[in-house]
């Protein structure tokens, strides 16, 4: 009898499908994925894939981005309830009023937003390239940055640029307890604290390294002789530990006690291996983006991808 993993691999071959998974997905999904990465890496793979079907094991805005980049491909998401608290914190109609009230600003939006919000944007960024993208804007040009205020504050501190921030945030990255983190570090003083820039400022202030999910993994790989406390969604520890099997990793503690005493994204975790198999088998639920929104949203995404390619050379 075939395992569900074997069934997924068989279906994937038969349908010429590719499975893209974010670092925050459950371990079983990461294991069957063709590519596991952060938002930028997943966007780049989605833009270049030759597959007929993209199975996006992540959250809704990520699958939308894949559909915008590959309108002629089928994009399926294991569970349509896989949303995002940060994307939800920026309703398109309210954001349009905000943009209209501040003309002559360059609008930069973090990729963690809806297709409709991207369509109101001049250039998209991810946590991997946000600093470089902001630095690429002429200094005399005023900037609106949305939707994450914590990432925005971090960018302002690092670049010295004043930006008009939308007041949005990620519940996962605001769930860390500074008091518990300091206590954990006192108990493990040899551990280095690393954090995602969506975290609150007081968490970033005690971190030795601040960076995207991919950046955090690369940092740990470069410093494998050290031990780490990791302040981002706990799902990253699975891939990180695979990259550095002999390095000790501890998830940063959450304010509220939960199943793992760490911070987990409930939206990411609604996807399961069974749902992934079902959506590939049934080719449903499919992600659709209207032509009008897609064409508008594609412009700032392509600007980001082109700039990321140029900046990496």
Protein backbone atom coordinates (compact mmCIF):
# COMPACT_ATOMS: atom_id res chain seq x y z
CA UNK A 1 0.00 0.00 0.00
CA UNK A 2 1.40 3.41 -0.97
CA UNK A 3 2.08 6.01 1.69
CA UNK A 4 0.55 9.47 1.27
CA UNK A 5 4.03 10.78 0.48
CA UNK A 6 4.38 8.25 -2.33
CA UNK A 7 0.92 9.14 -3.64
CA UNK A 8 1.84 12.81 -3.69
CA UNK A 9 5.07 12.14 -5.59
CA UNK A 10 3.24 9.95 -8.11
CA UNK A 11 0.52 12.55 -8.68
CA UNK A 12 3.13 15.28 -8.95
CA UNK A 13 4.86 13.43 -11.79
CA UNK A 14 1.63 12.55 -13.59
CA UNK A 15 0.34 16.14 -13.47
CA UNK A 16 3.69 17.91 -14.00
CA UNK A 17 3.22 19.73 -10.71
CA UNK A 18 5.69 21.48 -8.45
CA UNK A 19 5.26 21.80 -4.68
CA UNK A 20 6.51 25.03 -3.11
CA UNK A 21 6.58 25.24 0.68
CA UNK A 22 7.39 28.02 3.09
CA UNK A 23 9.80 27.43 5.99
CA UNK A 24 6.88 27.74 8.41
CA UNK A 25 5.02 24.70 7.05
CA UNK A 26 4.82 21.49 9.06
CA UNK A 27 7.77 19.10 8.72
CA UNK A 28 5.93 16.49 6.63
CA UNK A 29 5.04 19.11 4.00
CA UNK A 30 8.59 20.45 3.87
CA UNK A 31 9.79 16.88 3.26
CA UNK A 32 7.67 16.38 0.11
CA UNK A 33 8.24 19.85 -1.31
CA UNK A 34 10.39 20.48 -4.38
CA UNK A 35 11.47 23.79 -2.94
CA UNK A 36 11.39 25.13 0.62
CA UNK A 37 12.16 28.80 1.07
CA UNK A 38 11.22 32.32 2.08
CA UNK A 39 8.86 34.68 0.26
CA UNK A 40 11.51 35.98 -2.15
CA UNK A 41 12.85 32.55 -3.05
CA UNK A 42 9.35 31.15 -3.50
CA UNK A 43 8.40 34.10 -5.74
CA UNK A 44 11.47 33.55 -7.89
CA UNK A 45 10.80 29.82 -8.27
CA UNK A 46 7.12 30.49 -9.07
CA UNK A 47 8.15 32.93 -11.80
CA UNK A 48 10.51 30.46 -13.47
CA UNK A 49 8.85 27.06 -13.06
CA UNK A 50 7.94 24.94 -16.10
CA UNK A 51 5.31 23.03 -14.13
CA UNK A 52 1.67 23.06 -15.22
CA UNK A 53 0.42 23.10 -11.63
CA UNK A 54 1.88 25.00 -8.69
CA UNK A 55 0.92 23.57 -5.32
CA UNK A 56 1.62 26.36 -2.89
CA UNK A 57 2.04 25.10 0.64
CA UNK A 58 1.96 28.44 2.39
CA UNK A 59 -0.62 31.13 2.94
CA UNK A 60 -3.08 32.83 0.60
CA UNK A 61 -1.05 35.92 -0.36
CA UNK A 62 1.89 33.69 -1.38
CA UNK A 63 -0.30 31.61 -3.67
CA UNK A 64 -1.78 34.82 -5.10
CA UNK A 65 1.73 36.06 -5.88
CA UNK A 66 2.47 32.81 -7.72
CA UNK A 67 -0.74 33.21 -9.75
CA UNK A 68 0.13 36.82 -10.61
CA UNK A 69 3.54 35.67 -11.87
CA UNK A 70 2.17 32.60 -13.66
CA UNK A 71 -1.38 33.42 -14.84
CA UNK A 72 -1.48 30.54 -17.33
CA UNK A 73 -0.59 27.96 -14.70
CA UNK A 74 -2.96 26.40 -12.23
CA UNK A 75 -2.16 27.44 -8.65
CA UNK A 76 -3.71 25.48 -5.81
CA UNK A 77 -3.57 26.04 -2.05
CA UNK A 78 -4.17 23.12 0.34
CA UNK A 79 -6.57 25.17 2.47
CA UNK A 80 -8.16 28.53 1.57
CA UNK A 81 -8.33 29.31 5.30
CA UNK A 82 -4.52 29.67 5.27
CA UNK A 83 -4.61 33.43 5.57
CA UNK A 84 -2.24 35.92 7.21
CA UNK A 85 -2.82 38.27 10.14
CA UNK A 86 -0.42 40.81 8.63
CA UNK A 87 -2.14 40.80 5.23
CA UNK A 88 -5.53 41.05 6.98
CA UNK A 89 -4.32 44.14 8.87
CA UNK A 90 -4.23 46.08 5.59
CA UNK A 91 -7.70 46.14 3.94
CA UNK A 92 -7.38 47.34 0.31
CA UNK A 93 -10.07 50.03 0.48
CA UNK A 94 -8.61 51.59 3.62
CA UNK A 95 -5.11 51.41 2.22
CA UNK A 96 -6.23 53.14 -1.00
CA UNK A 97 -7.62 56.04 1.07
CA UNK A 98 -4.29 56.20 2.93
CA UNK A 99 -2.29 56.29 -0.32
CA UNK A 100 -4.63 58.85 -1.90
CA UNK A 101 -4.27 61.08 1.17
CA UNK A 102 -0.49 61.14 0.73
CA UNK A 103 0.24 61.85 -2.94
CA UNK A 104 3.75 62.00 -4.38
CA UNK A 105 4.93 59.19 -2.12
CA UNK A 106 6.60 56.07 -3.48
CA UNK A 107 4.56 53.17 -2.13
CA UNK A 108 6.55 50.14 -0.98
CA UNK A 109 4.61 47.17 0.30
CA UNK A 110 5.93 44.09 2.00
CA UNK A 111 5.00 40.97 0.04
CA UNK A 112 2.79 39.87 2.96
CA UNK A 113 -0.28 41.64 1.60
CA UNK A 114 -3.19 40.94 -0.74
CA UNK A 115 -3.08 41.21 -4.52
CA UNK A 116 -5.36 44.26 -4.28
CA UNK A 117 -2.86 46.04 -2.02
CA UNK A 118 0.01 45.08 -4.32
CA UNK A 119 -1.97 46.67 -7.15
CA UNK A 120 -1.80 50.00 -5.25
CA UNK A 121 1.97 49.70 -4.92
CA UNK A 122 5.02 51.06 -6.75
CA UNK A 123 7.39 48.29 -5.66
CA UNK A 124 7.05 45.16 -3.53
CA UNK A 125 9.73 43.97 -1.11
CA UNK A 126 10.45 40.99 1.11
CA UNK A 127 12.35 40.91 4.39
CA UNK A 128 15.34 39.62 2.37
CA UNK A 129 15.58 42.68 0.12
CA UNK A 130 13.66 45.43 1.97
CA UNK A 131 16.76 47.40 3.00
CA UNK A 132 18.20 47.34 -0.52
CA UNK A 133 14.90 48.34 -2.11
CA UNK A 134 14.38 51.26 0.26
CA UNK A 135 17.97 52.38 -0.33
CA UNK A 136 17.33 52.28 -4.09
CA UNK A 137 14.69 55.03 -3.79
CA UNK A 138 16.11 58.58 -4.19
CA UNK A 139 16.56 60.19 -0.76
CA UNK A 140 14.41 63.18 -1.65
CA UNK A 141 11.44 60.90 -2.48
CA UNK A 142 8.97 60.37 0.41
CA UNK A 143 8.01 56.74 1.05
CA UNK A 144 4.89 54.98 2.29
CA UNK A 145 5.74 51.57 3.75
CA UNK A 146 3.08 48.95 4.45
CA UNK A 147 1.73 46.85 6.01
CA UNK A 148 4.24 45.85 8.74
CA UNK A 149 5.10 48.66 11.17
CA UNK A 150 7.79 46.60 12.91
CA UNK A 151 9.64 45.87 9.68
CA UNK A 152 9.14 49.52 8.72
CA UNK A 153 10.66 50.77 11.98
CA UNK A 154 13.59 48.41 11.55
CA UNK A 155 14.20 49.67 7.99
CA UNK A 156 14.04 53.29 9.18
CA UNK A 157 16.60 52.57 11.90
CA UNK A 158 18.96 50.75 9.51
CA UNK A 159 18.70 53.17 6.58
CA UNK A 160 18.13 56.48 8.34
CA UNK A 161 15.14 57.07 6.04
CA UNK A 162 11.92 58.56 7.34
CA UNK A 163 8.92 56.62 6.05
CA UNK A 164 5.18 56.91 6.53
CA UNK A 165 4.18 53.60 8.08
CA UNK A 166 0.91 51.71 7.82
CA UNK A 167 -0.06 50.37 11.25
CA UNK A 168 -0.09 46.62 10.60
CA UNK A 169 1.66 43.70 12.27
CA UNK A 170 2.07 39.92 12.42
CA UNK A 171 0.55 38.28 15.50
CA UNK A 172 3.19 35.53 15.40
CA UNK A 173 6.12 37.94 15.57
CA UNK A 174 4.44 40.06 18.24
CA UNK A 175 3.93 37.00 20.43
CA UNK A 176 7.48 36.84 21.79
CA UNK A 177 7.98 37.64 25.47
CA UNK A 178 10.98 39.88 26.14
CA UNK A 179 10.94 38.91 29.82
CA UNK A 180 10.96 35.19 29.02
CA UNK A 181 13.56 35.70 26.28
CA UNK A 182 15.94 37.49 28.64
CA UNK A 183 15.42 34.78 31.28
CA UNK A 184 16.06 32.07 28.67
CA UNK A 185 19.24 33.86 27.57
CA UNK A 186 20.41 34.19 31.19
CA UNK A 187 19.95 30.45 31.56
CA UNK A 188 21.76 29.88 28.23
CA UNK A 189 24.28 32.76 28.02
CA UNK A 190 26.32 31.04 25.31
CA UNK A 191 23.36 31.14 22.91
CA UNK A 192 23.20 33.94 20.33
CA UNK A 193 19.77 35.55 19.78
CA UNK A 194 18.70 35.92 16.15
CA UNK A 195 15.39 37.48 15.11
CA UNK A 196 13.11 38.22 12.18
CA UNK A 197 12.54 41.96 11.51
CA UNK A 198 8.75 41.53 11.85
CA UNK A 199 9.42 41.16 15.59
CA UNK A 200 8.84 44.06 17.94
CA UNK A 201 11.63 46.58 18.46
CA UNK A 202 12.47 45.45 22.00
CA UNK A 203 13.09 41.92 20.67
CA UNK A 204 15.28 43.20 17.82
CA UNK A 205 17.28 45.32 20.28
CA UNK A 206 18.52 42.22 22.11
CA UNK A 207 19.27 40.23 18.95
CA UNK A 208 22.80 39.78 17.61
CA UNK A 209 21.48 39.20 14.09
CA UNK A 210 18.26 40.41 12.46
CA UNK A 211 17.23 39.02 9.08
CA UNK A 212 14.75 37.18 6.89
CA UNK A 213 14.07 33.48 7.31
CA UNK A 214 16.62 32.69 4.58
CA UNK A 215 19.04 35.19 6.11
CA UNK A 216 18.73 33.56 9.52
CA UNK A 217 19.45 30.13 8.08
CA UNK A 218 22.50 31.44 6.22
CA UNK A 219 23.75 33.19 9.37
CA UNK A 220 23.48 30.00 11.40
CA UNK A 221 25.26 28.03 8.64
CA UNK A 222 28.15 30.52 8.74
CA UNK A 223 28.43 30.27 12.54
CA UNK A 224 27.87 26.56 13.16
CA UNK A 225 30.23 26.58 16.16
CA UNK A 226 27.74 28.76 18.07
CA UNK A 227 24.38 28.03 19.70
CA UNK A 228 21.21 29.99 18.95
CA UNK A 229 17.90 31.22 20.30
CA UNK A 230 15.67 31.76 17.25
CA UNK A 231 12.95 34.44 17.30
CA UNK A 232 10.64 33.68 14.40
CA UNK A 233 7.88 31.16 13.65
CA UNK A 234 9.03 27.84 15.08
CA UNK A 235 8.59 25.96 11.80
CA UNK A 236 11.92 27.34 10.56
CA UNK A 237 13.82 25.24 13.09
CA UNK A 238 13.19 22.06 11.09
CA UNK A 239 14.99 23.25 7.95
CA UNK A 240 17.56 25.14 9.99
CA UNK A 241 18.44 22.02 11.98
CA UNK A 242 18.83 20.04 8.75
CA UNK A 243 21.35 22.62 7.55
CA UNK A 244 23.27 22.61 10.86
CA UNK A 245 22.60 19.18 12.44
CA UNK A 246 25.17 19.60 15.22
CA UNK A 247 24.18 23.13 16.24
CA UNK A 248 21.91 23.66 19.25
CA UNK A 249 18.78 25.68 18.44
CA UNK A 250 16.13 26.91 20.88
CA UNK A 251 12.89 28.63 19.80
CA UNK A 252 12.27 32.02 21.41
CA UNK A 253 9.52 31.84 24.05
CA UNK A 254 6.04 33.20 23.47
CA UNK A 255 4.09 35.43 25.87
CA UNK A 256 1.33 32.85 26.15
CA UNK A 257 1.89 29.21 27.01
CA UNK A 258 0.92 26.92 24.14
CA UNK A 259 1.75 23.47 22.83
CA UNK A 260 5.41 24.22 22.15
CA UNK A 261 5.95 27.33 24.34
CA UNK A 262 7.11 29.01 21.12
CA UNK A 263 5.43 31.16 18.50
CA UNK A 264 3.55 29.26 15.79
CA UNK A 265 1.42 30.57 12.92
CA UNK A 266 -2.02 28.98 13.12
CA UNK A 267 -2.67 30.01 9.50
CA UNK A 268 0.42 28.20 8.20
CA UNK A 269 -0.45 25.12 10.21
CA UNK A 270 -3.95 24.68 8.74
CA UNK A 271 -2.24 23.09 5.74
CA UNK A 272 -1.67 19.37 6.22
CA UNK A 273 -0.18 16.56 4.17
CA UNK A 274 -3.65 15.14 3.54
CA UNK A 275 -4.97 18.51 2.35
CA UNK A 276 -1.93 18.88 0.09
CA UNK A 277 -2.64 15.48 -1.47
CA UNK A 278 -6.35 16.26 -1.86
CA UNK A 279 -5.78 19.63 -3.51
CA UNK A 280 -3.31 18.12 -5.98
CA UNK A 281 -5.62 15.19 -6.73
CA UNK A 282 -8.77 17.33 -7.09
CA UNK A 283 -6.97 20.39 -8.50
CA UNK A 284 -8.86 22.45 -5.95
CA UNK A 285 -9.08 24.95 -4.33
CA UNK A 286 -7.63 27.04 -7.12
CA UNK A 287 -6.34 30.58 -6.68
CA UNK A 288 -7.78 33.16 -9.07
CA UNK A 289 -6.79 36.80 -9.50
CA UNK A 290 -8.72 39.10 -11.82
CA UNK A 291 -6.92 40.30 -14.95
CA UNK A 292 -7.16 43.94 -13.87
CA UNK A 293 -5.67 43.33 -10.42
CA UNK A 294 -3.09 40.89 -11.76
CA UNK A 295 -1.74 43.31 -14.36
CA UNK A 296 -1.47 46.12 -11.81
CA UNK A 297 0.11 43.90 -9.13
CA UNK A 298 2.55 42.36 -11.57
CA UNK A 299 4.33 45.68 -12.15
CA UNK A 300 5.65 46.19 -8.56
CA UNK A 301 6.44 42.48 -8.18
CA UNK A 302 8.49 42.47 -11.40
CA UNK A 303 10.27 45.63 -10.23
CA UNK A 304 11.23 43.81 -7.04
CA UNK A 305 12.41 40.69 -8.88
CA UNK A 306 14.43 42.71 -11.39
CA UNK A 307 15.99 44.80 -8.66
CA UNK A 308 16.77 41.70 -6.59
CA UNK A 309 18.51 40.14 -9.59
CA UNK A 310 20.54 43.32 -10.21
CA UNK A 311 21.47 43.76 -6.55
CA UNK A 312 22.69 40.16 -6.28
CA UNK A 313 25.11 40.53 -9.20
